[in-house]
């Protein structure tokens, strides 16, 4: 521990490696910094290595660092007052997989999806934006992933916004603001962000899920966020959802539908209902 720690302090990763590897293999829960220093060291070795086979060896070991830390997490957490969650480690592993040479976007996506599911707005800003980037890449190879990509965008965008609002340091606010912009850019550049595309995706699914209130709500949220309030799928989802569980959002959707159809009396009735149900004053004003 003493030998590798001194070398890591001066970023001499090549000489640090043998001693670190001995501790990693022989004393896997000796100290938490075994894993933080190990990840830092292996990132440096991967970046500096020219030989592809050796680089792959370091990369595989970096992935093992995260896996072994999860394996011994309960014991390692007894060594600190600030325990680490499994989600924190998966988040770090996802970032390292994507940033340090992982080629399989399905593997990358599964890691990011689990990290976002577990840590939500507690994820680092770069993990949220990388999640949407990876989801977009997966969609290019798998068109059936298109609907999930939209859900991923909505989730990551919401968590980035939540983290931005909760941040107390200006630097953190700036980072999450940048993440929000990058998340939007990935979505726009994906080519999915059109109302015609959403109509094609959601129209058949709404009919299949007309009794599934959670699914209908998710469709309404997506289409409202993207300004697709004149799409037939949005109207249908609003009408089905309003019959099951009336909310301001579903009433608004029904009002917009009847307005478009020219039934002004029904439209006014639903808009009045939306105003009554809405709690957020800005939404009520709209």
Protein backbone atom coordinates (compact mmCIF):
# COMPACT_ATOMS: atom_id res chain seq x y z
CA UNK A 1 0.00 0.00 0.00
CA UNK A 2 2.77 2.41 0.93
CA UNK A 3 4.73 1.74 -2.26
CA UNK A 4 1.86 2.12 -4.75
CA UNK A 5 0.37 5.13 -2.93
CA UNK A 6 3.60 7.13 -3.21
CA UNK A 7 3.86 6.40 -6.92
CA UNK A 8 0.20 7.33 -7.54
CA UNK A 9 0.77 10.69 -5.79
CA UNK A 10 3.25 11.66 -8.52
CA UNK A 11 1.22 10.01 -11.31
CA UNK A 12 3.87 7.36 -11.89
CA UNK A 13 1.31 4.71 -12.73
CA UNK A 14 3.69 2.28 -14.40
CA UNK A 15 5.74 1.77 -11.22
CA UNK A 16 2.64 1.91 -9.02
CA UNK A 17 0.93 -0.92 -10.88
CA UNK A 18 2.75 -4.03 -9.54
CA UNK A 19 2.34 -3.05 -5.88
CA UNK A 20 -1.27 -1.94 -6.42
CA UNK A 21 -2.09 -5.21 -8.20
CA UNK A 22 -0.68 -7.21 -5.29
CA UNK A 23 -2.93 -5.38 -2.82
CA UNK A 24 -5.91 -5.64 -5.17
CA UNK A 25 -5.50 -9.41 -5.39
CA UNK A 26 -4.39 -10.16 -1.82
CA UNK A 27 -6.22 -7.60 0.35
CA UNK A 28 -9.41 -6.57 -1.52
CA UNK A 29 -11.00 -4.68 1.36
CA UNK A 30 -7.92 -3.19 2.96
CA UNK A 31 -8.93 0.39 2.08
CA UNK A 32 -11.39 2.27 -0.13
CA UNK A 33 -8.63 4.18 -1.91
CA UNK A 34 -7.45 0.85 -3.34
CA UNK A 35 -10.37 1.27 -5.77
CA UNK A 36 -10.35 5.04 -6.31
CA UNK A 37 -6.58 5.04 -6.85
CA UNK A 38 -6.81 1.90 -8.96
CA UNK A 39 -9.39 3.43 -11.29
CA UNK A 40 -7.35 6.63 -11.61
CA UNK A 41 -4.19 4.64 -12.33
CA UNK A 42 -5.80 2.35 -14.92
CA UNK A 43 -7.37 5.29 -16.77
CA UNK A 44 -3.89 6.79 -17.01
CA UNK A 45 -2.34 3.53 -18.18
CA UNK A 46 -5.04 3.02 -20.84
CA UNK A 47 -4.55 6.55 -22.16
CA UNK A 48 -0.77 6.16 -22.35
CA UNK A 49 -0.65 2.62 -23.76
CA UNK A 50 0.00 2.21 -27.49
CA UNK A 51 -0.31 -1.58 -27.69
CA UNK A 52 -3.96 -2.53 -28.29
CA UNK A 53 -3.72 -5.89 -26.50
CA UNK A 54 -2.18 -4.32 -23.40
CA UNK A 55 -4.72 -1.51 -23.49
CA UNK A 56 -7.53 -4.09 -23.56
CA UNK A 57 -5.92 -5.85 -20.58
CA UNK A 58 -5.94 -2.61 -18.57
CA UNK A 59 -9.51 -1.88 -19.66
CA UNK A 60 -10.76 -5.29 -18.50
CA UNK A 61 -9.00 -4.77 -15.19
CA UNK A 62 -10.64 -1.35 -14.81
CA UNK A 63 -14.04 -3.01 -15.21
CA UNK A 64 -12.99 -5.58 -12.62
CA UNK A 65 -12.07 -2.77 -10.20
CA UNK A 66 -15.70 -1.62 -10.22
CA UNK A 67 -17.08 -5.16 -9.99
CA UNK A 68 -14.81 -6.10 -7.08
CA UNK A 69 -15.67 -2.90 -5.25
CA UNK A 70 -19.34 -3.88 -5.45
CA UNK A 71 -18.44 -7.40 -4.30
CA UNK A 72 -16.79 -6.07 -1.12
CA UNK A 73 -19.00 -2.98 -0.75
CA UNK A 74 -20.49 -3.83 2.64
CA UNK A 75 -17.05 -4.39 4.20
CA UNK A 76 -15.57 -1.31 2.53
CA UNK A 77 -18.44 0.85 3.79
CA UNK A 78 -17.49 -0.03 7.38
CA UNK A 79 -14.25 1.92 6.80
CA UNK A 80 -15.92 5.28 6.16
CA UNK A 81 -18.51 7.67 7.56
CA UNK A 82 -19.79 8.33 4.05
CA UNK A 83 -20.80 4.97 2.58
CA UNK A 84 -20.90 4.48 -1.18
CA UNK A 85 -23.96 3.02 -2.89
CA UNK A 86 -23.93 0.31 -5.53
CA UNK A 87 -25.51 2.85 -7.88
CA UNK A 88 -22.54 5.20 -7.43
CA UNK A 89 -20.15 2.46 -8.51
CA UNK A 90 -22.28 1.36 -11.47
CA UNK A 91 -22.44 5.01 -12.53
CA UNK A 92 -18.64 5.21 -12.47
CA UNK A 93 -18.34 1.90 -14.31
CA UNK A 94 -20.74 3.07 -17.03
CA UNK A 95 -18.73 6.27 -17.53
CA UNK A 96 -15.43 4.37 -17.65
CA UNK A 97 -16.81 1.77 -20.05
CA UNK A 98 -18.00 4.46 -22.46
CA UNK A 99 -15.08 6.86 -22.07
CA UNK A 100 -12.20 4.38 -21.97
CA UNK A 101 -12.88 2.16 -24.94
CA UNK A 102 -16.00 0.02 -24.47
CA UNK A 103 -17.33 -0.91 -27.93
CA UNK A 104 -20.62 -2.67 -27.27
CA UNK A 105 -23.38 -0.05 -26.97
CA UNK A 106 -25.80 -2.64 -25.59
CA UNK A 107 -23.45 -3.27 -22.65
CA UNK A 108 -22.90 0.48 -22.21
CA UNK A 109 -26.64 1.16 -22.34
CA UNK A 110 -27.47 -1.48 -19.72
CA UNK A 111 -24.88 0.03 -17.35
CA UNK A 112 -26.11 3.59 -17.82
CA UNK A 113 -29.77 2.58 -17.58
CA UNK A 114 -29.16 0.83 -14.26
CA UNK A 115 -27.12 3.78 -12.92
CA UNK A 116 -29.84 6.27 -13.85
CA UNK A 117 -32.55 4.02 -12.41
CA UNK A 118 -30.68 3.70 -9.09
CA UNK A 119 -29.20 7.18 -8.63
CA UNK A 120 -31.61 9.38 -10.60
CA UNK A 121 -30.73 13.08 -10.04
CA UNK A 122 -27.77 12.07 -7.85
CA UNK A 123 -25.84 10.96 -10.93
CA UNK A 124 -22.91 13.16 -12.05
CA UNK A 125 -23.86 15.56 -14.84
CA UNK A 126 -21.67 13.72 -17.38
CA UNK A 127 -23.38 10.39 -16.70
CA UNK A 128 -26.81 11.84 -17.51
CA UNK A 129 -25.66 13.30 -20.82
CA UNK A 130 -23.67 10.18 -21.73
CA UNK A 131 -26.75 8.05 -21.01
CA UNK A 132 -28.75 9.88 -23.69
CA UNK A 133 -25.79 9.74 -26.10
CA UNK A 134 -25.48 5.97 -25.64
CA UNK A 135 -29.25 5.46 -25.93
CA UNK A 136 -29.18 7.37 -29.25
CA UNK A 137 -26.31 5.21 -30.52
CA UNK A 138 -28.17 2.05 -29.53
CA UNK A 139 -31.25 3.30 -31.40
CA UNK A 140 -29.26 3.72 -34.63
CA UNK A 141 -28.50 -0.01 -34.60
CA UNK A 142 -31.88 -1.04 -33.18
CA UNK A 143 -34.90 0.94 -34.49
CA UNK A 144 -37.16 -0.85 -31.99
CA UNK A 145 -35.36 1.12 -29.26
CA UNK A 146 -36.87 4.40 -30.54
CA UNK A 147 -39.69 4.64 -27.99
CA UNK A 148 -37.34 3.76 -25.11
CA UNK A 149 -34.90 6.42 -26.34
CA UNK A 150 -37.62 9.05 -25.98
CA UNK A 151 -38.33 7.86 -22.43
CA UNK A 152 -34.60 7.95 -21.65
CA UNK A 153 -34.39 11.52 -22.91
CA UNK A 154 -37.34 12.62 -20.76
CA UNK A 155 -35.90 10.90 -17.67
CA UNK A 156 -32.35 12.25 -18.08
CA UNK A 157 -33.60 15.74 -18.89
CA UNK A 158 -35.81 15.72 -15.80
CA UNK A 159 -33.02 14.51 -13.51
CA UNK A 160 -30.56 17.07 -14.89
CA UNK A 161 -33.09 19.83 -14.28
CA UNK A 162 -33.76 18.53 -10.76
CA UNK A 163 -30.03 18.43 -9.99
CA UNK A 164 -29.58 21.93 -11.43
CA UNK A 165 -32.26 23.31 -9.12
CA UNK A 166 -30.83 21.49 -6.08
CA UNK A 167 -27.20 22.51 -6.69
CA UNK A 168 -25.79 25.04 -4.23
CA UNK A 169 -22.41 25.61 -5.87
CA UNK A 170 -22.19 27.75 -8.98
CA UNK A 171 -19.81 25.27 -10.63
CA UNK A 172 -22.31 22.43 -10.14
CA UNK A 173 -25.13 24.55 -11.55
CA UNK A 174 -23.02 25.35 -14.59
CA UNK A 175 -22.21 21.65 -15.13
CA UNK A 176 -25.85 20.55 -14.94
CA UNK A 177 -26.90 23.42 -17.22
CA UNK A 178 -24.34 22.19 -19.76
CA UNK A 179 -25.66 18.65 -19.32
CA UNK A 180 -29.23 19.83 -20.02
CA UNK A 181 -28.07 21.52 -23.23
CA UNK A 182 -26.11 18.43 -24.33
CA UNK A 183 -29.05 16.13 -23.54
CA UNK A 184 -31.31 18.31 -25.70
CA UNK A 185 -28.69 18.36 -28.46
CA UNK A 186 -28.42 14.55 -28.50
CA UNK A 187 -32.19 14.30 -28.74
CA UNK A 188 -32.53 16.89 -31.53
CA UNK A 189 -29.66 15.35 -33.51
CA UNK A 190 -31.23 11.89 -33.21
CA UNK A 191 -33.88 12.81 -35.77
CA UNK A 192 -36.68 11.48 -33.54
CA UNK A 193 -37.79 14.86 -32.16
CA UNK A 194 -40.65 15.55 -34.56
CA UNK A 195 -44.38 15.35 -33.92
CA UNK A 196 -44.84 13.14 -37.00
CA UNK A 197 -42.35 10.63 -35.61
CA UNK A 198 -44.04 10.63 -32.22
CA UNK A 199 -47.43 10.18 -33.87
CA UNK A 200 -46.14 7.14 -35.77
CA UNK A 201 -44.57 5.67 -32.62
CA UNK A 202 -47.41 6.29 -30.19
CA UNK A 203 -50.62 6.00 -32.25
CA UNK A 204 -50.78 2.17 -32.26
CA UNK A 205 -49.35 1.89 -28.75
CA UNK A 206 -52.02 4.19 -27.26
CA UNK A 207 -54.77 1.95 -28.60
CA UNK A 208 -53.04 -1.12 -27.19
CA UNK A 209 -52.62 0.59 -23.79
CA UNK A 210 -55.87 2.53 -23.54
CA UNK A 211 -56.55 1.03 -20.08
CA UNK A 212 -52.94 1.49 -18.87
CA UNK A 213 -52.96 4.83 -17.06
CA UNK A 214 -49.19 4.89 -16.45
CA UNK A 215 -48.44 4.41 -20.14
CA UNK A 216 -51.01 7.02 -21.18
CA UNK A 217 -49.53 9.53 -18.74
CA UNK A 218 -46.04 8.97 -20.12
CA UNK A 219 -47.29 9.63 -23.68
CA UNK A 220 -49.04 12.83 -22.58
CA UNK A 221 -45.90 14.04 -20.76
CA UNK A 222 -43.63 13.38 -23.75
CA UNK A 223 -45.91 15.02 -26.29
CA UNK A 224 -46.58 18.04 -24.10
CA UNK A 225 -42.87 18.53 -23.48
CA UNK A 226 -42.14 18.42 -27.20
CA UNK A 227 -45.03 20.68 -28.16
CA UNK A 228 -47.01 18.02 -30.01
CA UNK A 229 -50.38 19.04 -28.61
CA UNK A 230 -52.19 18.74 -31.95
CA UNK A 231 -51.26 15.12 -32.63
CA UNK A 232 -54.03 12.53 -32.73
CA UNK A 233 -52.04 10.24 -30.42
CA UNK A 234 -51.90 13.04 -27.83
CA UNK A 235 -55.67 13.57 -28.08
CA UNK A 236 -56.41 9.86 -27.82
CA UNK A 237 -54.08 9.36 -24.83
CA UNK A 238 -55.65 12.37 -23.08
CA UNK A 239 -59.21 11.12 -23.64
CA UNK A 240 -58.49 7.57 -22.47
CA UNK A 241 -56.51 8.81 -19.45
CA UNK A 242 -59.17 11.37 -18.51
CA UNK A 243 -61.81 8.63 -18.40
CA UNK A 244 -59.64 6.64 -15.96
CA UNK A 245 -58.04 9.35 -13.82
CA UNK A 246 -58.94 12.99 -14.60
CA UNK A 247 -56.06 15.44 -14.21
CA UNK A 248 -55.32 18.95 -15.45
CA UNK A 249 -53.07 17.49 -18.17
CA UNK A 250 -55.70 15.06 -19.46
CA UNK A 251 -58.43 17.73 -19.33
CA UNK A 252 -56.17 20.10 -21.27
CA UNK A 253 -55.56 17.44 -23.93
CA UNK A 254 -59.30 16.78 -24.30
CA UNK A 255 -59.97 20.52 -24.51
CA UNK A 256 -57.40 20.88 -27.29
CA UNK A 257 -58.91 17.93 -29.14
CA UNK A 258 -62.45 19.31 -29.12
CA UNK A 259 -61.18 22.77 -30.03
CA UNK A 260 -59.48 21.30 -33.11
CA UNK A 261 -62.69 19.46 -34.00
CA UNK A 262 -64.65 22.71 -33.72
CA UNK A 263 -66.76 21.66 -30.71
CA UNK A 264 -66.24 24.90 -28.75
CA UNK A 265 -68.73 24.16 -25.95
CA UNK A 266 -67.02 20.87 -25.04
CA UNK A 267 -63.62 22.49 -25.44
CA UNK A 268 -64.50 25.22 -22.93
CA UNK A 269 -65.87 22.62 -20.54
CA UNK A 270 -62.57 20.67 -20.56
CA UNK A 271 -60.38 23.78 -20.33
CA UNK A 272 -62.40 25.00 -17.32
CA UNK A 273 -61.92 21.55 -15.80
CA UNK A 274 -58.16 21.78 -16.44
CA UNK A 275 -58.00 25.16 -14.68
CA UNK A 276 -59.87 23.77 -11.67
CA UNK A 277 -57.57 20.74 -11.40
CA UNK A 278 -54.24 22.51 -12.00
CA UNK A 279 -52.20 23.34 -8.87
CA UNK A 280 -49.18 24.94 -10.53
CA UNK A 281 -49.94 28.64 -11.04
CA UNK A 282 -47.80 29.01 -14.19
CA UNK A 283 -49.57 26.04 -15.81
CA UNK A 284 -52.94 27.39 -14.67
CA UNK A 285 -52.17 30.70 -16.39
CA UNK A 286 -51.23 28.92 -19.60
